[in-house]
Every structure is written in structure tokens, then in C-alpha cells.
Protein backbone atom coordinates (compact mmCIF):
# COMPACT_ATOMS: atom_id res chain seq x y z
CA UNK A 1 -24.61 24.06 4.45
CA UNK A 2 -23.45 28.00 4.35
CA UNK A 3 -26.14 30.68 3.63
CA UNK A 4 -26.06 32.00 0.40
CA UNK A 5 -27.76 35.33 -0.98
CA UNK A 6 -31.46 35.17 -1.04
CA UNK A 7 -31.72 33.13 1.77
CA UNK A 8 -34.36 34.07 5.03
CA UNK A 9 -32.16 33.07 8.31
CA UNK A 10 -33.37 34.09 11.38
CA UNK A 11 -32.68 33.97 14.84
CA UNK A 12 -30.93 30.55 16.47
CA UNK A 13 -30.74 29.25 13.10
CA UNK A 14 -28.56 25.92 12.98
CA UNK A 15 -26.95 27.17 9.84
CA UNK A 16 -23.31 28.68 9.77
CA UNK A 17 -23.19 31.87 7.90
CA UNK A 18 -19.39 31.93 7.04
CA UNK A 19 -16.24 29.36 7.40
CA UNK A 20 -12.93 31.05 8.26
CA UNK A 21 -10.07 28.82 8.35
CA UNK A 22 -6.63 30.25 10.10
CA UNK A 23 -3.41 28.97 8.39
CA UNK A 24 -0.92 30.93 10.08
CA UNK A 25 -0.42 29.20 12.50
CA UNK A 26 -2.11 26.06 11.25
CA UNK A 27 -3.48 22.83 13.01
CA UNK A 28 -2.61 19.64 11.19
CA UNK A 29 -5.20 16.69 12.81
CA UNK A 30 -3.87 13.31 12.88
CA UNK A 31 -4.57 9.68 14.26
CA UNK A 32 -1.97 7.03 15.75
CA UNK A 33 -2.64 3.64 17.01
CA UNK A 34 -4.09 3.52 20.62
CA UNK A 35 -1.38 1.19 21.98
CA UNK A 36 1.05 4.08 21.65
CA UNK A 37 -0.85 6.60 23.44
CA UNK A 38 1.14 5.99 27.13
CA UNK A 39 4.40 6.51 25.13
CA UNK A 40 3.26 9.63 23.61
CA UNK A 41 2.09 10.94 26.89
CA UNK A 42 5.26 9.98 28.56
CA UNK A 43 7.15 11.94 26.30
CA UNK A 44 4.72 15.19 26.61
CA UNK A 45 5.16 15.02 30.12
CA UNK A 46 8.87 15.64 29.69
CA UNK A 47 8.90 18.18 26.13
CA UNK A 48 6.80 18.78 23.44
CA UNK A 49 7.55 15.83 20.85
CA UNK A 50 8.32 17.11 16.91
CA UNK A 51 5.95 16.98 14.45
CA UNK A 52 7.09 17.20 10.72
CA UNK A 53 3.82 17.08 7.77
CA UNK A 54 4.85 16.67 4.25
CA UNK A 55 2.74 17.83 1.56
CA UNK A 56 4.61 15.43 -1.35
CA UNK A 57 6.46 11.69 -1.22
CA UNK A 58 9.28 14.68 -1.87
CA UNK A 59 10.55 15.53 1.44
CA UNK A 60 11.95 18.87 0.78
CA UNK A 61 8.03 19.75 1.36
CA UNK A 62 8.11 19.65 4.86
CA UNK A 63 7.00 21.74 7.51
CA UNK A 64 7.83 21.09 11.37
CA UNK A 65 5.85 22.18 14.31
CA UNK A 66 5.20 20.66 17.47
CA UNK A 67 2.15 17.87 19.29
CA UNK A 68 -0.07 20.72 20.34
CA UNK A 69 -2.73 18.30 21.79
CA UNK A 70 -4.03 15.08 22.40
CA UNK A 71 -7.64 14.04 21.98
CA UNK A 72 -9.22 12.74 25.35
CA UNK A 73 -10.89 9.90 23.48
CA UNK A 74 -10.05 6.71 21.65
CA UNK A 75 -12.07 6.08 18.22
CA UNK A 76 -13.30 2.45 18.91
CA UNK A 77 -14.28 2.04 15.32
CA UNK A 78 -10.99 2.61 13.99
CA UNK A 79 -8.80 1.84 17.92
CA UNK A 80 -6.81 5.15 16.90
CA UNK A 81 -6.80 8.47 18.84
CA UNK A 82 -6.91 11.91 17.07
CA UNK A 83 -3.58 14.19 17.96
CA UNK A 84 -2.84 17.55 16.56
CA UNK A 85 0.20 19.23 15.80
CA UNK A 86 0.80 23.06 15.45
CA UNK A 87 2.87 24.20 12.80
CA UNK A 88 3.96 28.47 12.27
CA UNK A 89 3.50 27.59 7.83
CA UNK A 90 5.32 30.98 7.38
CA UNK A 91 5.47 29.80 3.72
CA UNK A 92 1.87 28.57 3.33
CA UNK A 93 3.19 25.43 2.89
CA UNK A 94 -0.01 23.41 4.83
CA UNK A 95 -3.60 24.28 3.45
CA UNK A 96 -6.75 23.59 5.17
CA UNK A 97 -8.56 20.45 4.02
CA UNK A 98 -4.98 18.98 2.35
CA UNK A 99 -4.17 15.36 2.62
CA UNK A 100 -0.50 15.45 3.76
CA UNK A 101 1.82 12.89 5.74
CA UNK A 102 2.81 13.41 9.32
CA UNK A 103 6.00 11.86 11.20
CA UNK A 104 5.57 12.19 15.40
CA UNK A 105 9.46 12.41 16.55
CA UNK A 106 9.00 11.07 20.41
CA UNK A 107 12.72 10.52 20.67
CA UNK A 108 16.50 9.81 19.05
CA UNK A 109 17.69 6.63 20.37
CA UNK A 110 21.31 7.13 20.80
CA UNK A 111 23.68 4.64 19.12
CA UNK A 112 21.68 2.22 17.65
CA UNK A 113 22.10 -0.70 15.54
CA UNK A 114 20.14 -0.55 12.18
CA UNK A 115 19.32 -3.13 9.25
CA UNK A 116 17.20 -2.95 6.25
CA UNK A 117 13.95 -4.14 7.38
CA UNK A 118 14.05 -6.59 4.77
CA UNK A 119 17.12 -8.11 6.31
CA UNK A 120 15.32 -9.70 9.01
CA UNK A 121 13.41 -12.82 8.41
CA UNK A 122 10.57 -14.39 10.64
CA UNK A 123 10.53 -18.40 11.13
CA UNK A 124 9.03 -20.65 13.62
CA UNK A 125 11.45 -19.52 16.50
CA UNK A 126 10.83 -15.97 15.90
CA UNK A 127 13.14 -13.53 13.89
CA UNK A 128 16.14 -13.69 12.50
CA UNK A 129 18.95 -12.48 10.22
CA UNK A 130 21.62 -14.35 7.95
CA UNK A 131 25.34 -12.66 9.09
CA UNK A 132 27.67 -12.99 6.33
CA UNK A 133 30.71 -14.55 7.57
CA UNK A 134 34.41 -13.85 6.66
CA UNK A 135 34.58 -16.85 4.87
CA UNK A 136 31.48 -15.43 2.66
CA UNK A 137 29.32 -18.34 4.32
CA UNK A 138 26.28 -17.16 6.07
CA UNK A 139 25.07 -18.33 9.97
CA UNK A 140 21.45 -17.91 10.80
CA UNK A 141 21.16 -15.69 13.80
CA UNK A 142 18.35 -14.85 16.43
CA UNK A 143 17.46 -11.09 16.74
CA UNK A 144 15.79 -9.12 18.58
CA UNK A 145 14.04 -6.23 17.28
CA UNK A 146 13.14 -2.87 18.51
CA UNK A 147 11.15 -0.06 16.68
CA UNK A 148 10.37 -0.38 12.91
CA UNK A 149 10.87 3.29 10.86
CA UNK A 150 10.43 3.68 7.27
CA UNK A 151 12.56 1.39 5.80
CA UNK A 152 15.25 0.38 8.81
CA UNK A 153 14.44 -1.89 11.61
CA UNK A 154 16.27 -1.24 15.28
CA UNK A 155 18.02 -4.60 16.11
CA UNK A 156 18.31 -4.47 20.11
CA UNK A 157 20.06 -7.69 20.27
CA UNK A 158 22.09 -10.42 18.34
CA UNK A 159 24.10 -8.39 15.50
CA UNK A 160 27.06 -6.50 16.51
CA UNK A 161 27.94 -2.96 14.76
CA UNK A 162 29.56 -3.48 11.44
CA UNK A 163 28.54 -6.98 10.39
CA UNK A 164 27.14 -7.30 6.89
CA UNK A 165 23.64 -9.19 6.31
CA UNK A 166 22.07 -10.55 3.72
CA UNK A 167 19.20 -8.61 2.01
CA UNK A 168 18.16 -10.53 -0.65
CA UNK A 169 18.05 -14.18 -1.57
CA UNK A 170 16.77 -15.46 1.91
CA UNK A 171 14.51 -18.14 -0.13
CA UNK A 172 18.03 -20.23 -1.10
CA UNK A 173 19.95 -19.81 2.09
CA UNK A 174 21.03 -22.64 4.34
CA UNK A 175 23.43 -21.79 7.46
CA UNK A 176 26.47 -22.67 5.86
CA UNK A 177 25.85 -21.64 2.29
CA UNK A 178 28.93 -19.60 0.38
CA UNK A 179 27.32 -15.98 -0.57
CA UNK A 180 28.49 -13.50 -2.97
CA UNK A 181 28.72 -10.11 -1.53
CA UNK A 182 27.08 -7.24 -4.50
CA UNK A 183 26.88 -3.51 -4.92
CA UNK A 184 24.12 -1.63 -2.95
CA UNK A 185 21.09 -0.89 -5.18
CA UNK A 186 19.66 2.28 -4.86
CA UNK A 187 15.87 2.15 -3.68
CA UNK A 188 13.53 4.04 -5.41
């Protein structure tokens, strides 16, 4: 509660007189699942991880900064750890109390094989993809997947670079089935 004109205050009163928000630089608080804490701390020991904040779904409204702090407790109710990113905010893009989408970048994976996430299916024996062979038939192949970022999945084992994967109509496929490769659709 703030104090307004006409209020009576006294020494050691627990009410705030004023709230001051700093916007240059500005901190952005966000939370990550606790299982990522050890990886974040490992990367922080090497360098300051990069953080990007997006004001809207539009990727042009982006402010870049660095990870400044990691809270020293895990929120038991949510299983998350609170982090703070520090942003110069030279264009006043970020504002106190504003909701933003945050991306924490820990590292780059060089030479990773990446596939659309909807190409990877899960079955009784684990995760698999359908690979289109040169004769336009499909082969079901078990894969080992890594990180999933946005709509893409890192394929650690099971496919080679340049192979064509089925991304639609999996329910109709069996190994050896003939398929027709169609033009890629743009996703909205």
C-alpha cells in the first residue's frame, strides 16, 4: 500500500512511501524447471549465458542481455528456480511489470542433425521416424533424440544428414509403404 496525501505516517511505519522502478538497465525475472539447474550453473561457470526477451510473438521486438543471477532456492510448489536476466534496454522496449517471453541460450550445438518435431513419433520401442528411401517407400527407424527447441528436435542417432523424413500422415504408414513427397507448407 502506498501513502497518499492526507495519510498519517509515523517513524518505523511499515508502509511504503514510494516505489521507484529502474528501466535502464532493467532486470527480467523468469523461472526454469529445477532439473536444468545444474546445466545452467555449469555454463555460468564458463561464461555468462545469453538471454533474449520478446515483448510479443513478433521476433523483431527483442532485447538481448545476459544471465545475471540465479535464486538460491527451488520453489517447491512449482519445481522451478527463478533466474534474472540483465538488459541494457536502451530503446525502453522492456517495462516494469510487463509480461515477456524469455529464451535462455546456454550453448550452440555444432553440426547437429535437426528435424521437425512432428516427424518424431513415440511407439512401444521408443522414438522413431519414417525415412523416405530412394524408391519412394518408407523405412521405420528408431532414433535417439536430444534437445527440443521450438518446433525442432535434435536427432542424436538414427538418421543421416540430408535424409527425407515423413512429417504428416504417420497413422497411415507401415514400413515399405509408398509415399509421395509434397511441397513443404509454410507454418503460421
